[in-house]
Protein backbone atom coordinates (compact mmCIF):
# COMPACT_ATOMS: atom_id res chain seq x y z
CA MET A 1 129.36 118.28 126.30
CA LEU A 2 126.84 116.87 123.83
CA GLU A 3 125.61 113.31 124.41
CA LYS A 4 125.99 110.82 121.60
CA LYS A 5 122.65 109.92 120.00
CA THR A 6 122.11 106.16 120.09
CA ILE A 7 120.13 104.57 117.27
CA THR A 8 117.63 101.99 118.44
CA PHE A 9 116.56 99.25 116.07
CA GLU A 10 113.17 97.57 116.28
CA ARG A 11 113.53 93.89 117.19
CA ALA A 12 112.12 91.59 114.53
CA VAL A 13 111.84 87.92 113.58
CA LEU A 14 111.71 86.54 110.03
CA ILE A 15 109.55 83.69 108.75
CA GLY A 16 110.04 81.69 105.56
CA ILE A 17 108.71 78.43 104.16
CA ILE A 18 110.40 75.58 102.30
CA ASN A 19 108.46 73.92 99.48
CA ARG A 20 108.99 72.60 95.94
CA GLU A 21 109.29 76.12 94.49
CA GLN A 22 111.60 77.26 97.30
CA PRO A 23 114.17 74.65 98.38
CA GLU A 24 116.08 75.11 101.64
CA GLU A 25 119.12 76.71 99.96
CA LYS A 26 116.94 79.32 98.19
CA VAL A 27 115.00 80.11 101.38
CA LYS A 28 118.28 80.87 103.18
CA GLU A 29 119.21 83.32 100.38
CA TYR A 30 115.77 84.94 100.47
CA LEU A 31 115.93 85.33 104.26
CA ASP A 32 119.46 86.80 104.02
CA GLU A 33 118.04 89.39 101.64
CA LEU A 34 114.98 89.91 103.88
CA GLU A 35 117.34 90.53 106.81
CA PHE A 36 119.18 93.19 104.79
CA LEU A 37 115.79 94.73 103.89
CA THR A 38 114.87 94.74 107.61
CA TYR A 39 118.18 96.42 108.50
CA THR A 40 117.59 99.01 105.75
CA ALA A 41 114.13 99.72 107.21
CA GLY A 42 115.61 100.20 110.70
CA GLY A 43 115.09 96.77 112.23
CA GLU A 44 117.30 94.22 113.95
CA VAL A 45 116.66 90.54 113.21
CA VAL A 46 116.72 88.49 116.40
CA LYS A 47 115.68 85.09 115.03
CA ARG A 48 114.54 83.27 111.89
CA PHE A 49 111.79 80.67 111.73
CA VAL A 50 111.54 78.29 108.76
CA GLN A 51 108.85 75.68 108.15
CA ARG A 52 108.73 72.93 105.55
CA ILE A 53 105.17 73.06 104.19
CA ASP A 54 103.89 72.11 100.71
CA VAL A 55 101.00 74.58 100.64
CA PRO A 56 100.78 77.67 102.93
CA ASN A 57 97.98 77.51 105.49
CA PRO A 58 95.12 79.62 104.03
CA LYS A 59 94.32 81.02 107.52
CA THR A 60 97.74 81.60 109.11
CA PHE A 61 100.28 80.94 106.29
CA ILE A 62 102.35 78.66 108.58
CA GLY A 63 101.03 75.72 110.64
CA SER A 64 99.30 76.29 114.00
CA GLY A 65 102.12 74.54 115.92
CA LYS A 66 104.82 76.73 114.36
CA LEU A 67 102.69 79.84 114.97
CA GLN A 68 102.45 78.95 118.67
CA THR A 69 106.27 78.61 118.81
CA VAL A 70 106.61 82.05 117.20
CA GLU A 71 104.01 83.48 119.62
CA LYS A 72 105.96 82.19 122.64
CA PHE A 73 109.23 83.67 121.29
CA VAL A 74 107.57 87.02 120.51
CA LYS A 75 106.17 87.33 124.05
CA GLU A 76 109.41 86.32 125.79
CA ASN A 77 111.77 88.48 123.72
CA ASP A 78 109.95 91.81 123.30
CA ILE A 79 109.61 91.46 119.52
CA GLY A 80 108.11 94.47 117.73
CA ALA A 81 107.60 93.01 114.24
CA VAL A 82 107.19 89.61 112.60
CA ILE A 83 108.15 89.70 108.92
CA PHE A 84 107.14 87.04 106.37
CA ASP A 85 109.22 86.50 103.24
CA ASP A 86 106.15 85.85 101.07
CA GLU A 87 103.09 87.99 100.50
CA LEU A 88 100.30 87.39 103.00
CA SER A 89 96.62 87.56 102.09
CA PRO A 90 94.51 90.08 104.06
CA VAL A 91 92.86 87.17 105.95
CA GLN A 92 96.23 85.61 106.88
CA GLN A 93 97.62 88.94 108.04
CA ARG A 94 94.54 89.63 110.17
CA ASN A 95 94.56 86.16 111.79
CA ILE A 96 98.30 86.23 112.56
CA GLU A 97 98.02 89.76 114.00
CA LYS A 98 95.16 88.62 116.23
CA GLN A 99 97.24 85.76 117.67
CA LEU A 100 100.70 87.36 117.92
CA ARG A 101 99.48 90.85 118.92
CA CYS A 102 102.40 92.64 117.25
CA LYS A 103 103.17 94.25 113.91
CA ILE A 104 102.89 91.77 111.01
CA LEU A 105 104.60 92.58 107.71
CA ASP A 106 105.27 90.67 104.53
CA ARG A 107 108.06 91.31 102.02
CA THR A 108 105.85 93.67 99.99
CA GLY A 109 104.88 95.73 103.05
CA LEU A 110 108.52 95.95 104.12
CA ILE A 111 109.70 97.12 100.69
CA LEU A 112 106.90 99.71 100.60
CA ASP A 113 108.04 100.94 104.04
CA ILE A 114 111.65 101.33 102.78
CA PHE A 115 110.42 103.14 99.68
CA ALA A 116 108.39 105.51 101.87
CA GLN A 117 111.56 106.30 103.90
CA ARG A 118 113.71 106.75 100.79
CA ALA A 119 111.35 108.86 98.65
CA ALA A 120 113.07 112.26 98.50
CA THR A 121 111.08 114.12 95.83
CA SER A 122 107.39 114.91 95.51
CA TYR A 123 107.20 112.61 92.47
CA ALA A 124 108.74 109.62 94.26
CA ARG A 125 106.53 110.23 97.31
CA THR A 126 103.42 110.26 95.09
CA GLN A 127 104.48 106.98 93.43
CA VAL A 128 105.09 105.31 96.79
CA GLU A 129 101.86 106.65 98.29
CA LEU A 130 99.88 105.20 95.37
CA ALA A 131 101.55 101.79 95.83
CA GLN A 132 100.85 101.91 99.59
CA TYR A 133 97.17 102.69 99.14
CA GLU A 134 96.73 99.94 96.53
CA TYR A 135 98.39 97.50 98.94
CA LEU A 136 96.28 98.78 101.85
CA LEU A 137 92.85 98.72 100.17
CA PRO A 138 92.12 94.95 100.47
CA ARG A 139 93.58 94.93 104.00
CA LEU A 140 91.39 97.65 105.50
CA THR A 141 89.18 95.21 107.42
CA GLY A 142 92.08 94.46 109.74
CA LEU A 143 92.38 98.11 110.75
CA TRP A 144 88.95 98.51 112.35
CA THR A 145 87.62 96.95 115.54
CA HIS A 146 84.29 98.79 115.34
CA LEU A 147 83.14 97.78 111.86
CA GLU A 148 79.39 98.08 112.34
CA ARG A 149 79.16 101.50 114.02
CA GLN A 150 77.21 103.95 111.85
CA ARG A 151 78.44 107.44 111.15
CA GLY A 152 76.09 110.26 112.03
CA GLY A 153 76.07 113.99 111.42
CA ILE A 154 75.35 116.27 108.48
CA GLY A 155 75.46 114.56 105.13
CA MET A 156 75.75 111.08 106.64
CA ARG A 157 72.07 110.31 107.25
CA GLY A 158 70.06 107.99 105.06
CA PRO A 159 70.73 104.30 104.44
CA GLY A 160 73.89 104.48 106.57
CA GLU A 161 77.44 103.39 105.88
CA THR A 162 79.87 101.40 107.99
CA GLU A 163 83.22 103.01 108.83
CA ILE A 164 85.05 100.42 106.74
CA GLU A 165 82.96 101.25 103.67
CA THR A 166 83.56 104.97 104.21
CA ASP A 167 87.27 104.33 104.55
CA ARG A 168 87.36 102.18 101.41
CA ARG A 169 85.66 104.98 99.50
CA ILE A 170 88.17 107.53 100.86
CA VAL A 171 91.11 105.28 99.85
CA ARG A 172 89.64 104.68 96.36
CA ASP A 173 89.17 108.44 95.92
CA ARG A 174 92.77 109.00 97.04
CA ILE A 175 94.05 106.34 94.60
CA SER A 176 92.10 108.00 91.78
CA LEU A 177 93.52 111.42 92.73
CA LEU A 178 97.11 110.09 92.91
CA LYS A 179 96.76 108.38 89.52
CA LYS A 180 95.61 111.67 87.98
CA LYS A 181 98.50 113.50 89.65
CA LEU A 182 101.01 110.92 88.35
CA ALA A 183 99.50 111.04 84.85
CA LYS A 184 100.04 114.81 84.85
CA ILE A 185 103.66 114.47 86.04
CA ASP A 186 104.24 111.63 83.55
CA LYS A 187 103.15 113.98 80.74
CA GLN A 188 105.57 116.65 81.96
CA MET A 189 108.41 114.11 82.16
CA GLU A 190 107.57 112.80 78.69
CA THR A 191 107.88 116.37 77.42
CA GLN A 192 111.21 116.74 79.25
CA ARG A 193 112.48 113.52 77.65
CA GLY A 194 111.34 114.80 74.26
CA ASN A 195 113.18 118.09 74.84
CA ARG A 196 116.48 116.29 75.37
CA GLY A 197 116.90 116.19 71.61
CA SER A 198 118.59 113.45 69.67
CA LEU A 199 121.32 112.59 72.18
CA VAL A 200 121.90 108.88 72.69
CA ARG A 201 120.28 107.68 75.94
CA VAL A 202 121.99 105.17 78.21
CA ALA A 203 120.31 103.71 81.33
CA LEU A 204 121.91 101.95 84.29
CA VAL A 205 119.80 98.96 85.34
CA GLY A 206 120.41 96.14 87.79
CA TYR A 207 119.55 94.54 91.08
CA THR A 208 119.38 96.82 94.11
CA ASN A 209 122.68 97.62 95.87
CA VAL A 210 124.97 96.56 93.00
CA GLY A 211 126.72 99.95 92.77
CA LYS A 212 124.83 101.75 89.98
CA SER A 213 124.96 105.15 91.71
CA THR A 214 128.66 104.71 92.58
CA LEU A 215 129.34 103.90 88.93
CA MET A 216 127.37 106.93 87.79
CA ASN A 217 129.40 109.14 90.12
CA ALA A 218 132.62 107.66 88.73
CA ILE A 219 131.74 108.12 85.06
CA SER A 220 129.84 111.43 85.19
CA LYS A 221 131.73 113.19 88.00
CA SER A 222 128.37 113.93 89.64
CA GLU A 223 127.34 113.43 93.25
CA VAL A 224 124.44 110.96 93.17
CA PHE A 225 123.49 109.59 96.61
CA ALA A 226 125.06 106.14 97.11
CA GLU A 227 124.91 103.97 100.23
CA ASN A 228 125.41 100.31 101.14
CA LYS A 229 121.70 99.77 101.73
CA LEU A 230 118.90 98.47 99.56
CA PHE A 231 117.03 101.01 97.40
CA ALA A 232 119.36 103.93 98.15
CA THR A 233 118.12 105.53 94.90
CA LEU A 234 114.43 105.90 94.07
CA ASP A 235 114.41 108.96 91.85
CA THR A 236 115.77 108.71 88.34
CA THR A 237 118.86 110.91 87.94
CA VAL A 238 119.87 111.97 84.42
CA ARG A 239 123.32 113.43 83.65
CA LYS A 240 124.97 114.52 80.43
CA VAL A 241 128.25 112.63 80.00
CA VAL A 242 131.00 113.23 77.43
CA LEU A 243 133.48 110.49 76.50
CA GLY A 244 136.19 111.79 74.21
CA ASN A 245 134.09 114.41 72.41
CA LEU A 246 130.97 112.21 72.20
CA PRO A 247 128.05 113.38 74.41
CA PHE A 248 125.21 111.18 75.65
CA LEU A 249 122.64 111.08 78.48
CA LEU A 250 123.13 108.65 81.36
CA SER A 251 120.26 107.82 83.74
CA ASP A 252 120.41 106.00 87.08
CA THR A 253 117.17 104.11 87.85
CA VAL A 254 115.56 102.34 90.81
CA GLY A 255 117.09 98.94 91.61
CA PHE A 256 115.17 95.72 91.06
CA ILE A 257 114.70 92.89 93.57
CA ARG A 258 113.33 89.36 93.66
CA LYS A 259 109.61 89.23 94.41
CA LEU A 260 109.29 92.93 93.51
CA PRO A 261 105.74 94.03 94.44
CA THR A 262 103.51 94.46 91.38
CA GLN A 263 102.16 97.69 92.90
CA LEU A 264 105.65 99.20 92.69
CA VAL A 265 106.25 98.13 89.09
CA GLU A 266 102.97 99.84 88.18
CA SER A 267 103.55 102.96 90.33
CA PHE A 268 107.10 103.43 89.06
CA LYS A 269 106.00 103.14 85.43
CA SER A 270 107.36 106.58 84.53
CA THR A 271 110.70 105.89 86.24
CA LEU A 272 110.91 102.70 84.19
CA ASP A 273 110.08 104.71 81.04
CA GLU A 274 113.69 105.93 81.25
CA VAL A 275 114.68 102.30 80.70
CA ARG A 276 112.10 101.80 77.93
CA GLU A 277 113.31 104.84 76.02
CA ALA A 278 117.03 104.11 76.45
CA ASP A 279 119.12 103.22 73.39
CA LEU A 280 121.60 101.23 75.48
CA LEU A 281 121.30 99.46 78.85
CA LEU A 282 124.24 99.08 81.22
CA HIS A 283 123.22 96.02 83.25
CA VAL A 284 125.27 96.36 86.46
CA VAL A 285 125.91 93.16 88.44
CA ASP A 286 127.49 92.63 91.86
CA ILE A 287 129.80 89.73 90.98
CA SER A 288 130.88 89.37 94.62
CA HIS A 289 127.34 88.23 95.56
CA PRO A 290 127.07 84.41 95.60
CA SER A 291 123.66 84.57 93.83
CA PHE A 292 124.59 87.13 91.18
CA GLU A 293 123.36 84.90 88.33
CA ASP A 294 119.93 84.70 90.02
CA HIS A 295 119.98 88.49 90.28
CA ILE A 296 120.68 88.72 86.53
CA ASP A 297 117.68 86.43 85.86
CA SER A 298 115.44 88.55 88.15
CA VAL A 299 116.44 91.77 86.38
CA ASN A 300 115.97 90.17 82.94
CA ARG A 301 112.51 88.96 84.00
CA ILE A 302 111.45 92.51 84.99
CA LEU A 303 113.00 93.92 81.80
CA GLY A 304 110.87 91.38 79.92
CA GLU A 305 107.76 92.59 81.79
CA ILE A 306 108.37 96.18 80.64
CA ASP A 307 109.23 95.10 77.04
CA CYS A 308 112.96 95.88 77.27
CA ALA A 309 114.39 92.37 77.02
CA ASP A 310 115.68 92.88 73.46
CA LYS A 311 117.48 96.18 74.05
CA LYS A 312 121.18 96.52 73.31
CA THR A 313 122.91 95.68 76.62
CA LEU A 314 126.43 95.90 78.03
CA MET A 315 126.95 93.64 81.06
CA VAL A 316 128.97 95.48 83.74
CA PHE A 317 130.29 93.16 86.46
CA ASN A 318 131.05 95.40 89.42
CA LYS A 319 132.84 94.85 92.77
CA ILE A 320 135.64 92.66 91.37
CA ASP A 321 137.73 93.82 94.36
CA LEU A 322 135.36 91.89 96.66
CA TYR A 323 135.04 88.72 94.57
CA LYS A 324 136.34 85.55 96.23
CA PRO A 325 135.79 82.14 94.63
CA GLU A 326 135.13 79.13 96.82
CA GLU A 327 138.31 77.13 97.34
CA LEU A 328 138.50 73.50 96.30
CA GLU A 329 141.05 71.40 98.15
CA GLU A 330 143.39 69.41 95.90
CA ASP A 331 142.82 66.18 97.81
CA ASP A 332 139.01 66.67 97.92
CA LEU A 333 137.61 63.85 95.79
CA VAL A 334 133.98 64.34 96.90
CA THR A 335 133.19 67.98 96.13
CA GLU A 336 132.46 68.57 92.47
CA ARG A 337 133.81 71.78 90.91
CA THR A 338 131.01 74.24 90.13
CA THR A 339 130.71 77.86 88.96
CA SER A 340 131.16 78.97 92.59
CA HIS A 341 134.82 77.91 92.19
CA TYR A 342 135.35 80.00 89.02
CA SER A 343 138.15 82.52 88.98
CA LEU A 344 137.45 86.05 87.71
CA GLN A 345 139.18 85.16 84.45
CA GLU A 346 136.89 82.15 83.97
CA TRP A 347 133.82 84.33 84.57
CA ARG A 348 135.23 86.90 82.14
CA ASP A 349 135.68 84.25 79.44
CA THR A 350 132.21 82.82 80.12
CA TRP A 351 130.36 86.13 79.88
CA MET A 352 132.44 87.43 76.97
CA GLN A 353 131.23 84.36 75.07
CA ARG A 354 127.60 84.68 76.27
CA MET A 355 127.37 88.39 75.45
CA ASP A 356 129.42 88.27 72.26
CA GLY A 357 132.12 90.44 73.85
CA ASN A 358 129.66 92.90 75.41
CA SER A 359 130.77 92.57 79.02
CA VAL A 360 133.30 94.29 81.26
CA PHE A 361 134.64 93.62 84.78
CA ILE A 362 135.24 96.63 87.04
CA SER A 363 135.27 98.04 90.57
CA ALA A 364 133.43 101.39 90.56
CA LEU A 365 134.46 102.13 94.15
CA GLU A 366 138.17 101.32 93.68
CA LYS A 367 138.07 102.65 90.08
CA ASP A 368 139.57 99.39 88.74
CA ASN A 369 139.32 98.86 84.98
CA LEU A 370 137.19 102.00 84.44
CA ASP A 371 139.19 102.87 81.30
CA GLU A 372 138.04 99.67 79.60
CA PHE A 373 134.47 100.34 80.79
CA ARG A 374 134.48 103.90 79.40
CA TYR A 375 135.94 102.69 76.13
CA LYS A 376 133.30 99.96 75.69
CA VAL A 377 130.51 102.46 76.47
CA TYR A 378 132.07 104.91 74.00
CA GLN A 379 132.13 102.25 71.26
CA GLU A 380 128.47 101.27 71.82
CA VAL A 381 127.26 104.90 71.99
CA ARG A 382 129.32 105.72 68.88
CA LYS A 383 127.64 102.91 66.88
CA ILE A 384 124.17 104.20 67.82
CA HIS A 385 125.12 107.85 67.13
CA ILE A 386 126.63 107.10 63.72
CA SER A 387 123.61 105.01 62.68
CA ARG A 388 121.52 108.17 63.28
CA PHE A 389 123.99 110.72 61.92
CA PRO A 390 126.25 108.98 59.36
CA TYR A 391 127.68 112.34 58.25
CA ASN A 392 129.22 112.75 61.77
CA ASN A 393 131.35 109.63 61.33
CA PHE A 394 134.64 111.55 60.99
CA LEU A 395 134.06 113.40 64.31
CA TYR A 396 134.23 110.24 66.44
CA PRO A 397 137.19 107.93 65.75
CA GLU A 398 136.72 104.24 66.50
CA ASN A 399 139.81 104.07 68.71
CA LEU A 400 140.81 106.63 71.31
CA ASP A 401 144.15 106.79 73.09
CA GLU A 402 142.72 109.14 75.70
CA TYR A 403 139.20 110.19 76.56
CA SER A 404 137.82 112.39 79.27
CA THR A 405 134.62 112.37 81.29
CA GLU A 406 132.70 115.55 81.89
CA SER A 407 129.36 116.06 83.55
């Protein structure tokens, strides 16, 4: 009889700071997300530490007293990793590592680790490797304990070179090589995009884990990998979809996140080119998440960074089956009614007004309201198609009683 394989999670603690930019309520949200990131990476969060500090300590990020408290907890509870919600400087990371004597990660390092696990294709692996090396380069000093030892041997005589300098040169050479490799693949992908002809291009964008891949599976009848973890999809998947008799290309892209590392935005430039070259964006939102409006702002900010803020967009509010508004007691005279108390209908009215009717509320998993979603996509794609090929107007009626989806 085969024994069941038990999965062991690395024990970790999280550290966040409260300041003017990050009030207590926000820090709790960020740490909730960081905990989900840790779980996705294969860790188990044992405890959270939060410190109220106006300016992070330039040497250790948090104060010396708080660091001693963390050190005591780490020693007594067999903690394998300490994860900071904000990016640490190389000096801070080195000093903290020296005192705590365990693995020290920041949000960027954790996201890079998840990306490295999730990269399934050679292209995605190359993108992640480039981002990892660019992140690693300024931190190399922390990896050597024998910095001054000279290398000997053939080809290494002369003025001499410390191991750290040699390693920096190796990493820079590797970065240069990876950039050339990506440039070559980017050219190939650009050619592939050009070969797709004049079909209308639609791209799914949104925060990570909002259900983009599930929605793509529902509308295109394809089997794109979907999982309730962050960054389940790294590689862009493109499928031909037909609504009624109107064909178009639908692409599923990497999810965005708050505090997305700049190295990843740069490395995933070609993946994001699918978004840049799209005629229509389907901005998928997890309406059941209490901070979904913040997620919308984060996605819009990144879209602005890649010059896609003005693209035609249909807002797709997903997971309506999980949405639960906060309840307000009738006799509660103290609590003021806020958007957290909105019903789904109130949110629908609000976003219909904001987006001039370009929004739809669905559940991709339960397949709720997918007919309305397909119809709205059909209408938007039809407008773009007819603007390009006016003589095809008669082929695609404005209203459809029935329409099918084919991959």
